[in-house]
Amino acid sequence: MEIKQLKETVAILNELIIRKFELIDPKSEMWDDQDMIQNWKVSKRTLATWRKEGIIGYVQVGNKIWYPREAREAFIKKHSVNPIGGNNDE
C-alpha cells in the first residue's frame, strides 16, 4: 500500500511541476524523454549522457525526467552552427 501511495504522490508532484512552469511562462512546454526521442531523433542513452555531463538542463521528480522549453532552447543556442560566412567571434 505504501508503494501505491508513493506513486500517486509522485504523479501529483509531476503535475504540480508542469503547472508551476506554465505559471512562470504560459508558453513553457515540458517534454519528457519520449518527446525528446521523437522530436529530436536522439536515443534515450544520448539523453542520459547529456544530463550526466550537464549538456542539457532538466527537472526530475522521482524517476520522471522533464526538459523545460528554456533548457531545450539554451541547448540549441549553445550548439547551433553559424551559417557559412557567419561571424564566429562573440
Protein backbone atom coordinates (compact mmCIF):
# COMPACT_ATOMS: atom_id res chain seq x y z
CA MET A 1 0.00 0.00 0.00
CA GLU A 2 2.90 2.40 0.67
CA ILE A 3 4.30 1.97 -2.85
CA LYS A 4 0.92 2.78 -4.36
CA GLN A 5 0.67 5.94 -2.26
CA LEU A 6 4.22 6.92 -3.21
CA LYS A 7 3.46 6.50 -6.93
CA GLU A 8 0.33 8.62 -6.55
CA THR A 9 2.33 11.30 -4.73
CA VAL A 10 4.98 11.33 -7.49
CA ALA A 11 2.24 11.68 -10.14
CA ILE A 12 0.74 14.62 -8.25
CA LEU A 13 4.18 16.25 -7.89
CA ASN A 14 4.83 15.83 -11.63
CA GLU A 15 1.58 17.61 -12.39
CA LEU A 16 2.39 20.41 -9.95
CA ILE A 17 5.81 20.94 -11.56
CA ILE A 18 4.24 21.18 -15.00
CA ARG A 19 1.71 23.70 -13.71
CA LYS A 20 4.46 25.71 -12.00
CA PHE A 21 6.38 26.06 -15.25
CA GLU A 22 3.20 27.02 -17.08
CA LEU A 23 2.54 29.75 -14.48
CA ILE A 24 6.06 31.13 -14.88
CA ASP A 25 5.73 31.17 -18.65
CA PRO A 26 2.40 30.19 -20.24
CA LYS A 27 4.29 29.23 -23.41
CA SER A 28 6.54 26.87 -21.46
CA GLU A 29 6.22 23.32 -22.58
CA MET A 30 7.70 20.41 -20.70
CA TRP A 31 8.91 17.45 -22.74
CA ASP A 32 9.75 14.03 -21.33
CA ASP A 33 12.28 11.53 -22.72
CA GLN A 34 9.79 10.19 -25.27
CA ASP A 35 9.07 13.68 -26.60
CA MET A 36 12.81 14.33 -26.96
CA ILE A 37 13.41 10.98 -28.67
CA GLN A 38 10.54 11.55 -31.09
CA ASN A 39 11.19 15.21 -31.89
CA TRP A 40 15.00 15.35 -31.81
CA LYS A 41 15.65 11.81 -33.06
CA VAL A 42 18.12 11.00 -30.28
CA SER A 43 18.37 7.86 -28.18
CA LYS A 44 17.45 7.51 -24.53
CA ARG A 45 21.13 6.80 -23.82
CA THR A 46 22.18 10.05 -25.52
CA LEU A 47 19.77 11.98 -23.32
CA ALA A 48 21.15 10.26 -20.21
CA THR A 49 24.70 11.17 -21.28
CA TRP A 50 23.73 14.80 -21.92
CA ARG A 51 22.11 15.03 -18.48
CA LYS A 52 25.09 13.38 -16.76
CA GLU A 53 27.56 15.72 -18.48
CA GLY A 54 25.40 18.80 -17.83
CA ILE A 55 24.88 19.40 -21.54
CA ILE A 56 21.12 19.88 -21.22
CA GLY A 57 19.04 21.14 -18.32
CA TYR A 58 16.20 19.09 -16.90
CA VAL A 59 13.82 18.66 -13.98
CA GLN A 60 13.47 15.33 -12.20
CA VAL A 61 10.70 14.22 -9.88
CA GLY A 62 11.09 10.64 -8.76
CA ASN A 63 12.11 8.73 -11.89
CA LYS A 64 10.38 11.13 -14.29
CA ILE A 65 12.60 13.48 -16.31
CA TRP A 66 11.27 16.70 -17.83
CA TYR A 67 13.01 19.05 -20.27
CA PRO A 68 11.63 22.60 -19.99
CA ARG A 69 11.41 24.68 -23.16
CA GLU A 70 14.05 27.02 -21.76
CA ALA A 71 16.54 24.15 -21.37
CA ARG A 72 15.91 22.95 -24.92
CA GLU A 73 16.27 26.44 -26.35
CA ALA A 74 19.51 27.02 -24.40
CA PHE A 75 20.87 23.72 -25.76
CA ILE A 76 20.00 24.69 -29.33
CA LYS A 77 21.50 28.15 -28.94
CA LYS A 78 24.72 26.76 -27.47
CA HIS A 79 25.10 24.05 -30.12
CA SER A 80 23.96 25.97 -33.21
CA VAL A 81 26.46 26.17 -36.04
CA ASN A 82 26.80 29.54 -37.76
CA PRO A 83 25.99 29.56 -41.46
CA ILE A 84 28.82 29.89 -43.98
CA GLY A 85 30.13 33.43 -43.85
CA GLY A 86 28.66 33.89 -40.37
CA ASN A 87 30.64 35.65 -37.68
CA ASN A 88 32.04 33.19 -35.13
CA ASP A 89 33.51 35.97 -32.95
CA GLU A 90 31.32 36.66 -29.92
